[in-house]
C-alpha cells in the first residue's frame, strides 16, 4: 500500500504512528496515516481491522 521510501511501518508495527499522514482533519481531531490507521488528537487510534487503541499520552512524573 505504501509507496514512500523508506516504507511506512505497517498498522501492526509498534511504531505505526510514525507513518506519513495522507489526510489531515485537525478541525475534527483526526488524521489518516499511510498504513490506514486513523490517529486521533487524544492519541487514540482506530486500526484498519476495527480495533481501538486507547489514548496513550505520557504520564507526567510527580515531583
Protein backbone atom coordinates (compact mmCIF):
# COMPACT_ATOMS: atom_id res chain seq x y z
CA UNK A 1 0.00 0.00 0.00
CA UNK A 2 2.77 2.47 0.94
CA UNK A 3 4.80 3.94 -1.90
CA UNK A 4 7.15 6.00 0.30
CA UNK A 5 10.85 5.33 0.56
CA UNK A 6 11.60 4.01 3.10
CA UNK A 7 8.28 2.24 3.50
CA UNK A 8 5.98 3.34 6.31
CA UNK A 9 5.51 0.92 9.20
CA UNK A 10 2.50 -1.37 8.94
CA UNK A 11 -0.59 -0.97 11.10
CA UNK A 12 0.57 -3.90 13.23
CA UNK A 13 4.03 -2.43 13.92
CA UNK A 14 4.76 -0.91 17.33
CA UNK A 15 5.86 2.32 15.58
CA UNK A 16 2.72 2.54 13.37
CA UNK A 17 2.17 6.18 14.42
CA UNK A 18 5.28 7.23 12.50
CA UNK A 19 3.65 6.52 9.13
CA UNK A 20 3.05 9.55 6.93
CA UNK A 21 -0.19 11.48 7.12
CA UNK A 22 -2.23 11.19 3.91
CA UNK A 23 -5.32 13.11 5.09
CA UNK A 24 -5.45 15.55 7.99
CA UNK A 25 -8.62 16.91 9.57
CA UNK A 26 -7.44 18.85 12.64
CA UNK A 27 -10.80 20.62 12.87
CA UNK A 28 -12.34 17.19 13.53
CA UNK A 29 -9.41 15.89 15.58
CA UNK A 30 -8.13 13.05 13.39
CA UNK A 31 -5.64 12.13 10.67
CA UNK A 32 -5.43 9.18 8.29
CA UNK A 33 -1.98 7.63 8.08
CA UNK A 34 -0.45 5.89 5.07
CA UNK A 35 -0.86 2.50 6.78
CA UNK A 36 -4.66 3.05 7.07
CA UNK A 37 -4.54 3.86 10.80
CA UNK A 38 -6.79 6.71 11.94
CA UNK A 39 -4.93 8.69 14.58
CA UNK A 40 -6.96 10.89 16.92
CA UNK A 41 -5.65 14.05 18.57
CA UNK A 42 -6.12 12.47 22.02
CA UNK A 43 -3.56 9.82 20.85
CA UNK A 44 -6.20 7.11 20.47
CA UNK A 45 -6.16 5.06 17.27
CA UNK A 46 -8.52 3.11 15.05
CA UNK A 47 -6.72 0.27 13.28
CA UNK A 48 -7.72 -0.98 9.81
CA UNK A 49 -9.18 -4.18 11.27
CA UNK A 50 -11.54 -2.15 13.50
CA UNK A 51 -9.57 -2.50 16.74
CA UNK A 52 -9.41 0.53 19.00
CA UNK A 53 -6.24 1.63 20.77
CA UNK A 54 -6.96 3.69 23.86
CA UNK A 55 -5.30 7.10 24.21
CA UNK A 56 -1.78 6.68 25.50
CA UNK A 57 -0.44 10.05 26.48
CA UNK A 58 2.76 10.08 28.52
CA UNK A 59 2.14 10.40 32.24
CA UNK A 60 3.92 13.34 33.87
CA UNK A 61 6.22 12.48 36.76
CA UNK A 62 5.03 13.68 40.16
CA UNK A 63 7.69 15.70 41.92
